[in-house]
Amino acid sequence: MLVSNAQDWFSQMEELCSSSPEHAVDGLRAALVDMQEADQAKAHYLLAQCYRKLHQQQNEESALMACIGYFKELGQRELYYFCNIGLAKVNANFGRYEASMNYLKEAQELATEANNREWMIRVYDNLGLLHSRMSRNEESVAYYTEALKLLRNTPGGNQLQSMKTNIYLGNVYIKMKLYDRAYDHFTMALTESKPEFNSYDSQMPLRGLAYLFLDQKKPAAAKRFLDKAHQLLLQKSDIISEMRLFLLDAEYEKQLGHYSRAKEILEGGLRLFQQQEVAVLKIQYLRAMVELDKKIKEE
């Protein structure tokens, strides 16, 4: 890759990462050999973004680890911040909670030094997720609440981020069996959804409301939102939404006593993991399969 063409080439790779991350990975990996250190760091950062879109978390982690030290040493604060956020997410997903916390502490210091509200919102969201994973629900609620406060007090606040944070908070309230509070946040998220949101984001409020009613053992109420999510999936398809929806569909069928049908759905969803690597979601599938097998044996 000629240095004079480097900027244009990276711009092309960024566009390709958005439209076809698989092809962007091929191009970036092929070019890495002939790059200088600065370009290698940028290429690894772009690779991490591609792997995130492909839900290949181990590859994402490797790519981030290959560039985070360079960005820190060169004082490239923004890229260093996002590397810390990315590594915090990956480590949380793999159950490495202490490592995740360390990355988030570093990101929080950077956000504080830069007096950057958007960065701090992202930190609070990730701290909320981490504490939820550790079953520290009260702490999780506190961090998500702080994120929402910042979003409301930020001119031109990010509506997509607000929608997601409301959903995350609703999920924690379900774990706490505070269903009315969960419902409030899911319905708020539903009002914040926009037609231009991508497939996965658009379905989040519908999946949240279906999950809310299924957790209360109200499959009939959940069915309305499952149907809407399936209709949206036909319009805007993506594999991760399909996998998450299958998990809810299986729980719905199980609550109706249709255990064989529920198992078929789970088995279909598990086959999709051959194409995707999503550690936390796969654990949810395997747990659901174990619970379902128990029900089948009891029949």
C-alpha atoms as a PDB file:
ATOM      1  CA  MET A   1       0.000   0.000   0.000  1.00  0.00           C
ATOM      2  CA  LEU A   2       1.489   3.344  -1.074  1.00  0.00           C
ATOM      3  CA  VAL A   3       1.717   5.934   1.691  1.00  0.00           C
ATOM      4  CA  SER A   4       0.252   8.626  -0.586  1.00  0.00           C
ATOM      5  CA  ASN A   5      -2.870   6.521  -1.061  1.00  0.00           C
ATOM      6  CA  ALA A   6      -3.158   5.407   2.559  1.00  0.00           C
ATOM      7  CA  GLN A   7      -5.854   7.882   3.605  1.00  0.00           C
ATOM      8  CA  ASP A   8      -8.107   7.084   0.642  1.00  0.00           C
ATOM      9  CA  TRP A   9      -7.552   3.358   1.148  1.00  0.00           C
ATOM     10  CA  PHE A  10      -8.504   3.509   4.827  1.00  0.00           C
ATOM     11  CA  SER A  11     -11.630   5.495   3.933  1.00  0.00           C
ATOM     12  CA  GLN A  12     -12.574   2.756   1.481  1.00  0.00           C
ATOM     13  CA  MET A  13     -11.969   0.111   4.142  1.00  0.00           C
ATOM     14  CA  GLU A  14     -14.162   2.009   6.633  1.00  0.00           C
ATOM     15  CA  GLU A  15     -17.011   2.070   4.107  1.00  0.00           C
ATOM     16  CA  LEU A  16     -16.479  -1.612   3.313  1.00  0.00           C
ATOM     17  CA  CYS A  17     -16.514  -2.433   7.035  1.00  0.00           C
ATOM     18  CA  SER A  18     -20.019  -0.945   7.236  1.00  0.00           C
ATOM     19  CA  SER A  19     -21.398  -2.660   4.154  1.00  0.00           C
ATOM     20  CA  SER A  20     -19.437  -5.923   3.966  1.00  0.00           C
ATOM     21  CA  PRO A  21     -17.269  -6.564   7.037  1.00  0.00           C
ATOM     22  CA  GLU A  22     -16.169 -10.001   5.765  1.00  0.00           C
ATOM     23  CA  HIS A  23     -14.567  -8.455   2.679  1.00  0.00           C
ATOM     24  CA  ALA A  24     -13.070  -5.621   4.729  1.00  0.00           C
ATOM     25  CA  VAL A  25     -11.381  -8.205   6.976  1.00  0.00           C
ATOM     26  CA  ASP A  26      -9.823  -9.884   3.937  1.00  0.00           C
ATOM     27  CA  GLY A  27      -8.519  -6.588   2.593  1.00  0.00           C
ATOM     28  CA  LEU A  28      -7.149  -5.357   5.922  1.00  0.00           C
ATOM     29  CA  ARG A  29      -5.427  -8.621   6.789  1.00  0.00           C
ATOM     30  CA  ALA A  30      -3.815  -8.854   3.344  1.00  0.00           C
ATOM     31  CA  ALA A  31      -2.426  -5.303   3.625  1.00  0.00           C
ATOM     32  CA  LEU A  32      -1.073  -5.587   7.191  1.00  0.00           C
ATOM     33  CA  VAL A  33       2.246  -7.136   6.126  1.00  0.00           C
ATOM     34  CA  ASP A  34       3.452  -4.067   4.207  1.00  0.00           C
ATOM     35  CA  MET A  35       2.274  -1.409   6.649  1.00  0.00           C
ATOM     36  CA  GLN A  36       4.199   0.914   8.916  1.00  0.00           C
ATOM     37  CA  GLU A  37       3.434   0.732  12.659  1.00  0.00           C
ATOM     38  CA  ALA A  38       0.983   3.649  12.652  1.00  0.00           C
ATOM     39  CA  ASP A  39      -0.990   2.191   9.752  1.00  0.00           C
ATOM     40  CA  GLN A  40      -0.899  -1.257  11.340  1.00  0.00           C
ATOM     41  CA  ALA A  41      -2.477   0.155  14.502  1.00  0.00           C
ATOM     42  CA  LYS A  42      -5.220   1.832  12.472  1.00  0.00           C
ATOM     43  CA  ALA A  43      -5.786  -1.357  10.470  1.00  0.00           C
ATOM     44  CA  HIS A  44      -6.112  -3.437  13.639  1.00  0.00           C
ATOM     45  CA  TYR A  45      -8.605  -0.924  15.026  1.00  0.00           C
ATOM     46  CA  LEU A  46     -10.687  -1.216  11.842  1.00  0.00           C
ATOM     47  CA  LEU A  47     -10.399  -4.996  12.025  1.00  0.00           C
ATOM     48  CA  ALA A  48     -11.813  -4.869  15.557  1.00  0.00           C
ATOM     49  CA  GLN A  49     -14.832  -2.918  14.273  1.00  0.00           C
ATOM     50  CA  CYS A  50     -15.369  -5.499  11.507  1.00  0.00           C
ATOM     51  CA  TYR A  51     -15.094  -8.403  13.941  1.00  0.00           C
ATOM     52  CA  ARG A  52     -17.584  -6.666  16.251  1.00  0.00           C
ATOM     53  CA  LYS A  53     -20.093  -6.482  13.396  1.00  0.00           C
ATOM     54  CA  LEU A  54     -19.427 -10.170  12.685  1.00  0.00           C
ATOM     55  CA  HIS A  55     -19.780 -10.986  16.413  1.00  0.00           C
ATOM     56  CA  GLN A  56     -16.364 -12.664  16.412  1.00  0.00           C
ATOM     57  CA  GLN A  57     -15.389 -11.612  19.893  1.00  0.00           C
ATOM     58  CA  GLN A  58     -12.082 -13.454  20.231  1.00  0.00           C
ATOM     59  CA  ASN A  59     -10.836 -11.919  16.987  1.00  0.00           C
ATOM     60  CA  GLU A  60     -12.088  -8.513  18.101  1.00  0.00           C
ATOM     61  CA  GLU A  61     -10.141  -8.834  21.339  1.00  0.00           C
ATOM     62  CA  SER A  62      -6.953  -9.812  19.506  1.00  0.00           C
ATOM     63  CA  ALA A  63      -7.260  -6.866  17.128  1.00  0.00           C
ATOM     64  CA  LEU A  64      -7.818  -4.389  19.967  1.00  0.00           C
ATOM     65  CA  MET A  65      -4.893  -5.764  21.955  1.00  0.00           C
ATOM     66  CA  ALA A  66      -2.696  -5.274  18.881  1.00  0.00           C
ATOM     67  CA  CYS A  67      -3.355  -1.508  18.762  1.00  0.00           C
ATOM     68  CA  ILE A  68      -4.286  -0.272  22.248  1.00  0.00           C
ATOM     69  CA  GLY A  69      -0.663   0.042  23.411  1.00  0.00           C
ATOM     70  CA  TYR A  70       0.277   2.125  20.382  1.00  0.00           C
ATOM     71  CA  PHE A  71      -2.613   4.550  20.879  1.00  0.00           C
ATOM     72  CA  LYS A  72      -1.756   4.928  24.565  1.00  0.00           C
ATOM     73  CA  GLU A  73       1.924   5.546  23.878  1.00  0.00           C
ATOM     74  CA  LEU A  74       1.183   8.119  21.171  1.00  0.00           C
ATOM     75  CA  GLY A  75      -1.438   9.868  23.286  1.00  0.00           C
ATOM     76  CA  GLN A  76      -4.232   9.246  20.781  1.00  0.00           C
ATOM     77  CA  ARG A  77      -6.843   9.673  23.481  1.00  0.00           C
ATOM     78  CA  GLU A  78     -10.027   8.998  21.495  1.00  0.00           C
ATOM     79  CA  LEU A  79      -8.814   5.754  19.922  1.00  0.00           C
ATOM     80  CA  TYR A  80      -7.327   4.652  23.240  1.00  0.00           C
ATOM     81  CA  TYR A  81     -10.674   5.346  24.938  1.00  0.00           C
ATOM     82  CA  PHE A  82     -12.632   3.259  22.429  1.00  0.00           C
ATOM     83  CA  CYS A  83     -10.125   0.421  22.691  1.00  0.00           C
ATOM     84  CA  ASN A  84     -10.734   0.325  26.441  1.00  0.00           C
ATOM     85  CA  ILE A  85     -14.511   0.323  25.919  1.00  0.00           C
ATOM     86  CA  GLY A  86     -14.263  -2.477  23.361  1.00  0.00           C
ATOM     87  CA  LEU A  87     -12.042  -4.620  25.564  1.00  0.00           C
ATOM     88  CA  ALA A  88     -14.331  -4.017  28.550  1.00  0.00           C
ATOM     89  CA  LYS A  89     -17.291  -5.362  26.556  1.00  0.00           C
ATOM     90  CA  VAL A  90     -15.429  -8.416  25.287  1.00  0.00           C
ATOM     91  CA  ASN A  91     -14.101  -9.312  28.727  1.00  0.00           C
ATOM     92  CA  ALA A  92     -17.553  -8.884  30.286  1.00  0.00           C
ATOM     93  CA  ASN A  93     -19.026 -11.202  27.649  1.00  0.00           C
ATOM     94  CA  PHE A  94     -16.431 -13.851  28.444  1.00  0.00           C
ATOM     95  CA  GLY A  95     -17.021 -13.556  32.186  1.00  0.00           C
ATOM     96  CA  ARG A  96     -13.688 -11.836  32.926  1.00  0.00           C
ATOM     97  CA  TYR A  97     -15.269  -9.247  35.167  1.00  0.00           C
ATOM     98  CA  GLU A  98     -12.166  -7.919  36.919  1.00  0.00           C
ATOM     99  CA  ALA A  99     -10.423  -7.262  33.609  1.00  0.00           C
ATOM    100  CA  SER A 100     -13.563  -5.591  32.269  1.00  0.00           C
ATOM    101  CA  MET A 101     -13.724  -3.338  35.326  1.00  0.00           C
ATOM    102  CA  ASN A 102     -10.088  -2.292  34.870  1.00  0.00           C
ATOM    103  CA  TYR A 103     -10.702  -1.246  31.271  1.00  0.00           C
ATOM    104  CA  LEU A 104     -13.803   0.694  32.302  1.00  0.00           C
ATOM    105  CA  LYS A 105     -11.902   2.517  35.041  1.00  0.00           C
ATOM    106  CA  GLU A 106      -9.354   3.615  32.449  1.00  0.00           C
ATOM    107  CA  ALA A 107     -12.129   4.733  30.089  1.00  0.00           C
ATOM    108  CA  GLN A 108     -13.841   6.630  32.913  1.00  0.00           C
ATOM    109  CA  GLU A 109     -10.638   8.513  33.714  1.00  0.00           C
ATOM    110  CA  LEU A 110     -10.283   9.473  30.048  1.00  0.00           C
ATOM    111  CA  ALA A 111     -13.912  10.637  29.888  1.00  0.00           C
ATOM    112  CA  THR A 112     -13.480  12.711  33.051  1.00  0.00           C
ATOM    113  CA  GLU A 113     -10.232  14.306  31.818  1.00  0.00           C
ATOM    114  CA  ALA A 114     -11.828  15.153  28.470  1.00  0.00           C
ATOM    115  CA  ASN A 115     -15.064  16.352  30.157  1.00  0.00           C
ATOM    116  CA  ASN A 116     -16.861  14.345  27.482  1.00  0.00           C
ATOM    117  CA  ARG A 117     -20.502  13.541  28.299  1.00  0.00           C
ATOM    118  CA  GLU A 118     -20.939  11.048  25.460  1.00  0.00           C
ATOM    119  CA  TRP A 119     -17.912   9.094  26.615  1.00  0.00           C
ATOM    120  CA  MET A 120     -19.186   9.089  30.196  1.00  0.00           C
ATOM    121  CA  ILE A 121     -22.639   7.874  29.102  1.00  0.00           C
ATOM    122  CA  ARG A 122     -20.989   4.948  27.347  1.00  0.00           C
ATOM    123  CA  VAL A 123     -18.931   4.194  30.462  1.00  0.00           C
ATOM    124  CA  TYR A 124     -22.028   4.230  32.699  1.00  0.00           C
ATOM    125  CA  ASP A 125     -23.896   1.944  30.290  1.00  0.00           C
ATOM    126  CA  ASN A 126     -21.042  -0.539  30.330  1.00  0.00           C
ATOM    127  CA  LEU A 127     -20.726  -0.362  34.106  1.00  0.00           C
ATOM    128  CA  GLY A 128     -24.464  -1.064  34.289  1.00  0.00           C
ATOM    129  CA  LEU A 129     -24.046  -4.101  32.054  1.00  0.00           C
ATOM    130  CA  LEU A 130     -21.043  -5.380  33.979  1.00  0.00           C
ATOM    131  CA  HIS A 131     -22.767  -5.118  37.360  1.00  0.00           C
ATOM    132  CA  SER A 132     -25.861  -6.786  35.939  1.00  0.00           C
ATOM    133  CA  ARG A 133     -23.723  -9.695  34.742  1.00  0.00           C
ATOM    134  CA  MET A 134     -22.310  -9.969  38.249  1.00  0.00           C
ATOM    135  CA  SER A 135     -25.876  -9.946  39.695  1.00  0.00           C
ATOM    136  CA  ARG A 136     -25.239  -6.620  41.403  1.00  0.00           C
ATOM    137  CA  ASN A 137     -28.612  -5.307  40.335  1.00  0.00           C
ATOM    138  CA  GLU A 138     -28.840  -2.232  42.560  1.00  0.00           C
ATOM    139  CA  GLU A 139     -25.457  -0.992  41.328  1.00  0.00           C
ATOM    140  CA  SER A 140     -26.481  -1.737  37.752  1.00  0.00           C
ATOM    141  CA  VAL A 141     -29.672   0.328  38.124  1.00  0.00           C
ATOM    142  CA  ALA A 142     -27.662   3.221  39.584  1.00  0.00           C
ATOM    143  CA  TYR A 143     -25.256   3.331  36.621  1.00  0.00           C
ATOM    144  CA  TYR A 144     -28.001   3.070  34.001  1.00  0.00           C
ATOM    145  CA  THR A 145     -29.934   5.808  35.793  1.00  0.00           C
ATOM    146  CA  GLU A 146     -26.867   8.061  35.699  1.00  0.00           C
ATOM    147  CA  ALA A 147     -26.528   7.388  31.978  1.00  0.00           C
ATOM    148  CA  LEU A 148     -30.164   8.393  31.390  1.00  0.00           C
ATOM    149  CA  LYS A 149     -29.714  11.581  33.430  1.00  0.00           C
ATOM    150  CA  LEU A 150     -26.732  12.578  31.294  1.00  0.00           C
ATOM    151  CA  LEU A 151     -28.637  11.766  28.107  1.00  0.00           C
ATOM    152  CA  ARG A 152     -31.582  13.949  29.170  1.00  0.00           C
ATOM    153  CA  ASN A 153     -29.272  16.828  30.070  1.00  0.00           C
ATOM    154  CA  THR A 154     -27.234  16.656  26.872  1.00  0.00           C
ATOM    155  CA  PRO A 155     -28.438  19.005  24.084  1.00  0.00           C
ATOM    156  CA  GLY A 156     -29.447  16.949  21.053  1.00  0.00           C
ATOM    157  CA  GLY A 157     -29.118  13.767  23.118  1.00  0.00           C
ATOM    158  CA  ASN A 158     -28.601  10.470  21.335  1.00  0.00           C
ATOM    159  CA  GLN A 159     -32.078   8.931  20.946  1.00  0.00           C
ATOM    160  CA  LEU A 160     -30.730   5.510  19.959  1.00  0.00           C
ATOM    161  CA  GLN A 161     -28.508   5.440  23.033  1.00  0.00           C
ATOM    162  CA  SER A 162     -31.425   6.502  25.229  1.00  0.00           C
ATOM    163  CA  MET A 163     -33.587   3.728  23.781  1.00  0.00           C
ATOM    164  CA  LYS A 164     -30.909   1.131  24.466  1.00  0.00           C
ATOM    165  CA  THR A 165     -30.292   2.351  28.003  1.00  0.00           C
ATOM    166  CA  ASN A 166     -34.017   2.175  28.792  1.00  0.00           C
ATOM    167  CA  ILE A 167     -34.039  -1.418  27.558  1.00  0.00           C
ATOM    168  CA  TYR A 168     -30.961  -2.350  29.558  1.00  0.00           C
ATOM    169  CA  LEU A 169     -32.564  -0.849  32.651  1.00  0.00           C
ATOM    170  CA  GLY A 170     -35.802  -2.699  31.945  1.00  0.00           C
ATOM    171  CA  ASN A 171     -33.894  -5.982  31.735  1.00  0.00           C
ATOM    172  CA  VAL A 172     -32.372  -5.399  35.175  1.00  0.00           C
ATOM    173  CA  TYR A 173     -35.783  -4.602  36.662  1.00  0.00           C
ATOM    174  CA  ILE A 174     -37.063  -7.924  35.290  1.00  0.00           C
ATOM    175  CA  LYS A 175     -34.251  -9.685  37.142  1.00  0.00           C
ATOM    176  CA  MET A 176     -35.388  -7.823  40.263  1.00  0.00           C
ATOM    177  CA  LYS A 177     -39.044  -8.793  39.561  1.00  0.00           C
ATOM    178  CA  LEU A 178     -39.982  -5.097  39.463  1.00  0.00           C
ATOM    179  CA  TYR A 179     -42.199  -5.604  36.449  1.00  0.00           C
ATOM    180  CA  ASP A 180     -44.030  -2.260  36.475  1.00  0.00           C
ATOM    181  CA  ARG A 181     -40.734  -0.380  36.351  1.00  0.00           C
ATOM    182  CA  ALA A 182     -39.477  -2.651  33.579  1.00  0.00           C
ATOM    183  CA  TYR A 183     -42.667  -2.029  31.592  1.00  0.00           C
ATOM    184  CA  ASP A 184     -42.248   1.743  31.918  1.00  0.00           C
ATOM    185  CA  HIS A 185     -38.720   1.635  30.508  1.00  0.00           C
ATOM    186  CA  PHE A 186     -39.593  -0.760  27.675  1.00  0.00           C
ATOM    187  CA  THR A 187     -42.561   1.358  26.583  1.00  0.00           C
ATOM    188  CA  MET A 188     -40.384   4.466  26.743  1.00  0.00           C
ATOM    189  CA  ALA A 189     -37.858   2.687  24.540  1.00  0.00           C
ATOM    190  CA  LEU A 190     -40.626   1.789  22.108  1.00  0.00           C
ATOM    191  CA  THR A 191     -41.562   5.468  21.717  1.00  0.00           C
ATOM    192  CA  GLU A 192     -37.899   6.305  21.076  1.00  0.00           C
ATOM    193  CA  SER A 193     -37.484   3.755  18.272  1.00  0.00           C
ATOM    194  CA  LYS A 194     -37.133   5.200  14.766  1.00  0.00           C
ATOM    195  CA  PRO A 195     -37.693   3.585  11.335  1.00  0.00           C
ATOM    196  CA  GLU A 196     -34.088   4.303  10.353  1.00  0.00           C
ATOM    197  CA  PHE A 197     -32.650   2.209  13.189  1.00  0.00           C
ATOM    198  CA  ASN A 198     -31.041  -1.011  12.033  1.00  0.00           C
ATOM    199  CA  SER A 199     -32.736  -4.403  12.349  1.00  0.00           C
ATOM    200  CA  TYR A 200     -31.260  -5.394  15.700  1.00  0.00           C
ATOM    201  CA  ASP A 201     -31.889  -2.041  17.372  1.00  0.00           C
ATOM    202  CA  SER A 202     -35.423  -1.734  15.979  1.00  0.00           C
ATOM    203  CA  GLN A 203     -36.452  -5.043  17.526  1.00  0.00           C
ATOM    204  CA  MET A 204     -34.966  -4.429  20.970  1.00  0.00           C
ATOM    205  CA  PRO A 205     -38.100  -2.868  22.570  1.00  0.00           C
ATOM    206  CA  LEU A 206     -40.336  -5.626  21.154  1.00  0.00           C
ATOM    207  CA  ARG A 207     -38.053  -8.378  22.415  1.00  0.00           C
ATOM    208  CA  GLY A 208     -37.849  -6.623  25.787  1.00  0.00           C
ATOM    209  CA  LEU A 209     -41.635  -6.508  26.168  1.00  0.00           C
ATOM    210  CA  ALA A 210     -41.963 -10.156  25.097  1.00  0.00           C
ATOM    211  CA  TYR A 211     -39.303 -11.109  27.665  1.00  0.00           C
ATOM    212  CA  LEU A 212     -41.145  -9.092  30.334  1.00  0.00           C
ATOM    213  CA  PHE A 213     -44.394 -11.010  29.898  1.00  0.00           C
ATOM    214  CA  LEU A 214     -42.709 -14.385  29.486  1.00  0.00           C
ATOM    215  CA  ASP A 215     -40.879 -13.859  32.777  1.00  0.00           C
ATOM    216  CA  GLN A 216     -44.294 -13.301  34.373  1.00  0.00           C
ATOM    217  CA  LYS A 217     -45.571 -16.522  32.726  1.00  0.00           C
ATOM    218  CA  LYS A 218     -47.996 -14.586  30.535  1.00  0.00           C
ATOM    219  CA  PRO A 219     -47.373 -16.148  27.125  1.00  0.00           C
ATOM    220  CA  ALA A 220     -50.550 -14.744  25.540  1.00  0.00           C
ATOM    221  CA  ALA A 221     -49.430 -11.178  26.306  1.00  0.00           C
ATOM    222  CA  ALA A 222     -45.908 -11.960  25.083  1.00  0.00           C
ATOM    223  CA  LYS A 223     -47.207 -13.381  21.782  1.00  0.00           C
ATOM    224  CA  ARG A 224     -48.342  -9.969  20.536  1.00  0.00           C
ATOM    225  CA  PHE A 225     -44.800  -8.600  20.767  1.00  0.00           C
ATOM    226  CA  LEU A 226     -43.209 -11.781  19.418  1.00  0.00           C
ATOM    227  CA  ASP A 227     -45.442 -11.513  16.345  1.00  0.00           C
ATOM    228  CA  LYS A 228     -44.494  -7.867  15.815  1.00  0.00           C
ATOM    229  CA  ALA A 229     -40.805  -8.718  16.159  1.00  0.00           C
ATOM    230  CA  HIS A 230     -41.167 -11.478  13.560  1.00  0.00           C
ATOM    231  CA  GLN A 231     -42.924  -9.088  11.194  1.00  0.00           C
ATOM    232  CA  LEU A 232     -40.097  -6.606  11.599  1.00  0.00           C
ATOM    233  CA  LEU A 233     -37.536  -9.367  11.061  1.00  0.00           C
ATOM    234  CA  LEU A 234     -39.101 -10.066   7.662  1.00  0.00           C
ATOM    235  CA  GLN A 235     -38.564  -6.413   6.730  1.00  0.00           C
ATOM    236  CA  LYS A 236     -35.143  -5.997   8.348  1.00  0.00           C
ATOM    237  CA  SER A 237     -33.297  -9.267   8.740  1.00  0.00           C
ATOM    238  CA  ASP A 238     -30.158  -9.926  10.759  1.00  0.00           C
ATOM    239  CA  ILE A 239     -28.874 -13.158  12.236  1.00  0.00           C
ATOM    240  CA  ILE A 240     -28.417 -12.006  15.853  1.00  0.00           C
ATOM    241  CA  SER A 241     -31.994 -10.714  16.053  1.00  0.00           C
ATOM    242  CA  GLU A 242     -33.154 -14.049  14.678  1.00  0.00           C
ATOM    243  CA  MET A 243     -31.127 -15.948  17.287  1.00  0.00           C
ATOM    244  CA  ARG A 244     -32.477 -13.856  20.151  1.00  0.00           C
ATOM    245  CA  LEU A 245     -36.019 -14.171  18.850  1.00  0.00           C
ATOM    246  CA  PHE A 246     -35.681 -17.971  18.593  1.00  0.00           C
ATOM    247  CA  LEU A 247     -34.732 -18.042  22.269  1.00  0.00           C
ATOM    248  CA  LEU A 248     -37.916 -16.169  23.198  1.00  0.00           C
ATOM    249  CA  ASP A 249     -40.003 -18.303  20.822  1.00  0.00           C
ATOM    250  CA  ALA A 250     -38.728 -21.448  22.535  1.00  0.00           C
ATOM    251  CA  GLU A 251     -39.652 -20.088  25.967  1.00  0.00           C
ATOM    252  CA  TYR A 252     -43.120 -19.198  24.649  1.00  0.00           C
ATOM    253  CA  GLU A 253     -43.668 -22.742  23.321  1.00  0.00           C
ATOM    254  CA  LYS A 254     -42.342 -24.233  26.570  1.00  0.00           C
ATOM    255  CA  GLN A 255     -44.832 -22.228  28.630  1.00  0.00           C
ATOM    256  CA  LEU A 256     -47.614 -23.582  26.433  1.00  0.00           C
ATOM    257  CA  GLY A 257     -46.367 -27.108  27.148  1.00  0.00           C
ATOM    258  CA  HIS A 258     -45.147 -27.642  23.575  1.00  0.00           C
ATOM    259  CA  TYR A 259     -41.787 -29.050  24.641  1.00  0.00           C
ATOM    260  CA  SER A 260     -40.866 -30.827  21.405  1.00  0.00           C
ATOM    261  CA  ARG A 261     -41.583 -27.680  19.382  1.00  0.00           C
ATOM    262  CA  ALA A 262     -39.528 -25.600  21.821  1.00  0.00           C
ATOM    263  CA  LYS A 263     -36.601 -28.011  21.462  1.00  0.00           C
ATOM    264  CA  GLU A 264     -36.777 -27.808  17.663  1.00  0.00           C
ATOM    265  CA  ILE A 265     -36.571 -24.016  17.872  1.00  0.00           C
ATOM    266  CA  LEU A 266     -33.569 -24.123  20.204  1.00  0.00           C
ATOM    267  CA  GLU A 267     -31.785 -26.655  18.020  1.00  0.00           C
ATOM    268  CA  GLY A 268     -32.375 -24.420  14.999  1.00  0.00           C
ATOM    269  CA  GLY A 269     -30.950 -21.457  16.882  1.00  0.00           C
ATOM    270  CA  LEU A 270     -27.918 -23.400  18.077  1.00  0.00           C
ATOM    271  CA  ARG A 271     -27.056 -24.293  14.471  1.00  0.00           C
ATOM    272  CA  LEU A 272     -26.721 -20.584  13.747  1.00  0.00           C
ATOM    273  CA  PHE A 273     -23.800 -20.403  16.182  1.00  0.00           C
ATOM    274  CA  GLN A 274     -21.713 -22.150  13.537  1.00  0.00           C
ATOM    275  CA  GLN A 275     -21.825 -18.807  11.722  1.00  0.00           C
ATOM    276  CA  GLN A 276     -21.569 -16.528  14.752  1.00  0.00           C
ATOM    277  CA  GLU A 277     -19.649 -16.404  18.008  1.00  0.00           C
ATOM    278  CA  VAL A 278     -21.680 -14.746  20.755  1.00  0.00           C
ATOM    279  CA  ALA A 279     -20.532 -16.143  24.083  1.00  0.00           C
ATOM    280  CA  VAL A 280     -23.285 -14.831  26.375  1.00  0.00           C
ATOM    281  CA  LEU A 281     -26.112 -15.705  23.993  1.00  0.00           C
ATOM    282  CA  LYS A 282     -24.806 -19.237  23.498  1.00  0.00           C
ATOM    283  CA  ILE A 283     -24.770 -19.784  27.264  1.00  0.00           C
ATOM    284  CA  GLN A 284     -28.419 -18.679  27.391  1.00  0.00           C
ATOM    285  CA  TYR A 285     -29.262 -21.206  24.679  1.00  0.00           C
ATOM    286  CA  LEU A 286     -27.490 -24.053  26.438  1.00  0.00           C
ATOM    287  CA  ARG A 287     -29.181 -23.257  29.750  1.00  0.00           C
ATOM    288  CA  ALA A 288     -32.572 -23.162  28.037  1.00  0.00           C
ATOM    289  CA  MET A 289     -31.847 -26.525  26.421  1.00  0.00           C
ATOM    290  CA  VAL A 290     -30.940 -28.092  29.790  1.00  0.00           C
ATOM    291  CA  GLU A 291     -34.161 -26.785  31.390  1.00  0.00           C
ATOM    292  CA  LEU A 292     -36.195 -28.023  28.435  1.00  0.00           C
ATOM    293  CA  ASP A 293     -34.657 -31.499  28.536  1.00  0.00           C
ATOM    294  CA  LYS A 294     -35.713 -31.736  32.192  1.00  0.00           C
ATOM    295  CA  LYS A 295     -39.301 -30.879  31.238  1.00  0.00           C
ATOM    296  CA  ILE A 296     -39.292 -33.481  28.463  1.00  0.00           C
ATOM    297  CA  LYS A 297     -38.032 -36.192  30.854  1.00  0.00           C
ATOM    298  CA  GLU A 298     -40.786 -35.294  33.328  1.00  0.00           C
ATOM    299  CA  GLU A 299     -43.522 -35.907  30.753  1.00  0.00           C
END
